[in-house]
């Protein structure tokens, strides 16, 4: 499981031209679920994302988490994050989890973020073609993978 975190001042997601979710300052998280991911990976990765210190403290150092700054989170499913890009000119999507288990893992991840204390967790629409808009602060972008058990 992979989470691409972007520190944002705002972000939104639209489906078929209609906005379905919006956040202010916080994290935009693109989440990719691999077929090999164990069920517990979602909660472990969500806890890591919630506690990941990428927001500035009063001295200007990245030393605060999204919880520390009372930020929000917008989670968007993105199976392309787990694509095999090791060879050729076209990504292979065999490593991605099938839709049903991937959606269940996505929901477990979002629920774990909520349980970790993030002020508001908004969601994209799983499996839909989405238009994502954001203002990346920094820019600050980090790729996290689910820790080993």
Protein backbone atom coordinates (compact mmCIF):
# COMPACT_ATOMS: atom_id res chain seq x y z
CA UNK A 1 0.00 0.00 0.00
CA UNK A 2 1.31 3.42 -0.93
CA UNK A 3 0.22 6.88 0.14
CA UNK A 4 1.37 9.97 -1.69
CA UNK A 5 0.99 12.86 0.76
CA UNK A 6 0.85 16.47 -0.35
CA UNK A 7 0.81 19.29 2.18
CA UNK A 8 -1.88 21.64 0.89
CA UNK A 9 -3.50 24.94 1.75
CA UNK A 10 -6.61 23.63 -0.02
CA UNK A 11 -7.73 20.73 -2.19
CA UNK A 12 -10.92 19.51 -3.81
CA UNK A 13 -12.17 16.64 -5.91
CA UNK A 14 -14.93 16.62 -8.52
CA UNK A 15 -16.73 13.81 -10.34
CA UNK A 16 -18.55 14.50 -13.60
CA UNK A 17 -18.11 18.24 -13.13
CA UNK A 18 -19.56 18.36 -9.60
CA UNK A 19 -17.40 18.95 -6.54
CA UNK A 20 -17.86 16.13 -4.04
CA UNK A 21 -15.26 17.02 -1.40
CA UNK A 22 -13.11 19.96 -0.33
CA UNK A 23 -10.60 20.65 2.45
CA UNK A 24 -8.68 23.63 3.75
CA UNK A 25 -5.14 23.34 5.13
CA UNK A 26 -4.02 19.75 5.61
CA UNK A 27 -3.12 16.68 3.59
CA UNK A 28 -4.20 15.48 0.19
CA UNK A 29 -3.53 11.74 0.24
CA UNK A 30 -3.51 9.63 -2.91
CA UNK A 31 -3.84 5.97 -1.85
CA UNK A 32 -2.83 2.93 -3.90
CA UNK A 33 -3.70 -0.57 -2.72
CA UNK A 34 -1.71 -3.59 -3.90
CA UNK A 35 -3.11 -7.11 -4.17
CA UNK A 36 -0.42 -8.33 -1.76
CA UNK A 37 -1.34 -5.86 1.01
CA UNK A 38 -2.51 -7.55 4.23
CA UNK A 39 -5.74 -6.17 5.77
CA UNK A 40 -3.89 -4.55 8.68
CA UNK A 41 -1.71 -2.47 6.33
CA UNK A 42 -4.43 0.19 5.98
CA UNK A 43 -4.51 1.05 9.69
CA UNK A 44 -0.72 1.03 10.03
CA UNK A 45 -0.25 3.34 7.05
CA UNK A 46 -3.06 5.67 8.19
CA UNK A 47 -1.45 6.00 11.63
CA UNK A 48 1.86 6.84 9.99
CA UNK A 49 0.24 9.46 7.73
CA UNK A 50 -1.61 11.07 10.63
CA UNK A 51 1.57 11.35 12.71
CA UNK A 52 3.98 12.23 9.85
CA UNK A 53 5.60 15.55 10.74
CA UNK A 54 5.62 17.68 7.58
CA UNK A 55 4.05 20.90 8.86
CA UNK A 56 6.23 23.72 10.10
CA UNK A 57 6.69 24.57 13.74
CA UNK A 58 7.23 28.18 14.92
CA UNK A 59 10.93 27.89 13.97
CA UNK A 60 10.06 26.92 10.40
CA UNK A 61 11.11 23.26 10.69
CA UNK A 62 8.92 20.37 9.57
CA UNK A 63 8.11 19.18 13.05
CA UNK A 64 4.30 19.04 13.29
CA UNK A 65 1.74 16.52 12.08
CA UNK A 66 -1.63 17.19 10.48
CA UNK A 67 -3.17 16.46 13.89
CA UNK A 68 -0.86 18.99 15.58
CA UNK A 69 -1.98 21.74 13.19
CA UNK A 70 -5.69 20.74 13.33
CA UNK A 71 -5.58 20.09 9.58
CA UNK A 72 -7.95 18.15 7.39
CA UNK A 73 -7.38 15.24 5.01
CA UNK A 74 -8.74 14.46 1.57
CA UNK A 75 -8.18 10.83 0.50
CA UNK A 76 -8.32 9.91 -3.19
CA UNK A 77 -7.96 6.34 -4.41
CA UNK A 78 -5.28 6.00 -7.09
CA UNK A 79 -4.45 2.47 -8.23
CA UNK A 80 -1.71 3.81 -10.54
CA UNK A 81 0.50 4.32 -7.46
CA UNK A 82 1.08 0.57 -7.26
CA UNK A 83 1.70 0.07 -10.99
CA UNK A 84 4.77 -1.84 -12.15
CA UNK A 85 6.92 0.69 -14.00
CA UNK A 86 10.15 -1.26 -13.87
CA UNK A 87 10.40 -1.92 -17.59
CA UNK A 88 9.08 -0.82 -20.93
CA UNK A 89 7.10 2.27 -21.76
CA UNK A 90 3.74 1.27 -20.39
CA UNK A 91 2.81 0.68 -16.75
CA UNK A 92 1.57 -2.73 -15.67
CA UNK A 93 -1.37 -2.80 -13.30
CA UNK A 94 -1.22 -6.45 -12.21
CA UNK A 95 0.14 -5.49 -8.74
CA UNK A 96 -3.02 -3.46 -7.98
CA UNK A 97 -5.70 -5.02 -5.81
CA UNK A 98 -9.01 -5.91 -7.49
CA UNK A 99 -11.75 -3.32 -6.95
CA UNK A 100 -13.68 -4.95 -4.07
CA UNK A 101 -10.72 -5.60 -1.73
CA UNK A 102 -9.11 -2.29 -2.74
CA UNK A 103 -12.26 -0.36 -1.83
CA UNK A 104 -12.47 -2.16 1.51
CA UNK A 105 -8.82 -1.26 2.24
CA UNK A 106 -9.49 2.35 1.20
CA UNK A 107 -12.41 2.55 3.63
CA UNK A 108 -10.32 0.97 6.43
CA UNK A 109 -7.60 3.56 5.75
CA UNK A 110 -10.07 6.47 5.92
CA UNK A 111 -11.67 5.12 9.09
CA UNK A 112 -8.24 4.74 10.71
CA UNK A 113 -7.40 8.37 9.83
CA UNK A 114 -10.63 9.45 11.51
CA UNK A 115 -9.79 7.30 14.52
CA UNK A 116 -6.32 8.84 14.73
CA UNK A 117 -7.85 12.23 15.46
CA UNK A 118 -7.68 14.12 12.19
CA UNK A 119 -10.27 16.91 12.43
CA UNK A 120 -12.02 16.09 9.14
CA UNK A 121 -11.43 13.27 6.65
CA UNK A 122 -13.03 13.75 3.25
CA UNK A 123 -13.12 11.18 0.47
CA UNK A 124 -13.00 11.05 -3.28
CA UNK A 125 -15.28 8.54 -5.01
CA UNK A 126 -13.67 5.12 -5.23
CA UNK A 127 -13.33 3.88 -8.80
CA UNK A 128 -14.58 7.09 -10.40
CA UNK A 129 -12.77 9.34 -12.85
CA UNK A 130 -11.98 12.34 -10.66
CA UNK A 131 -10.65 15.83 -11.20
CA UNK A 132 -8.42 16.85 -8.30
CA UNK A 133 -7.40 20.44 -7.66
CA UNK A 134 -4.88 21.48 -5.03
CA UNK A 135 -2.52 24.13 -3.84
CA UNK A 136 0.61 22.35 -2.65
CA UNK A 137 2.35 24.23 0.17
CA UNK A 138 6.12 24.10 -0.11
CA UNK A 139 5.84 22.23 -2.36
CA UNK A 140 5.93 19.30 0.05
CA UNK A 141 5.18 15.83 -1.32
CA UNK A 142 6.10 12.50 0.27
CA UNK A 143 5.60 8.86 -0.73
CA UNK A 144 4.94 6.51 2.19
CA UNK A 145 4.58 2.76 2.00
CA UNK A 146 2.86 0.60 4.56
CA UNK A 147 5.37 -0.49 7.17
CA UNK A 148 6.18 -4.13 7.55
CA UNK A 149 4.21 -5.93 10.30
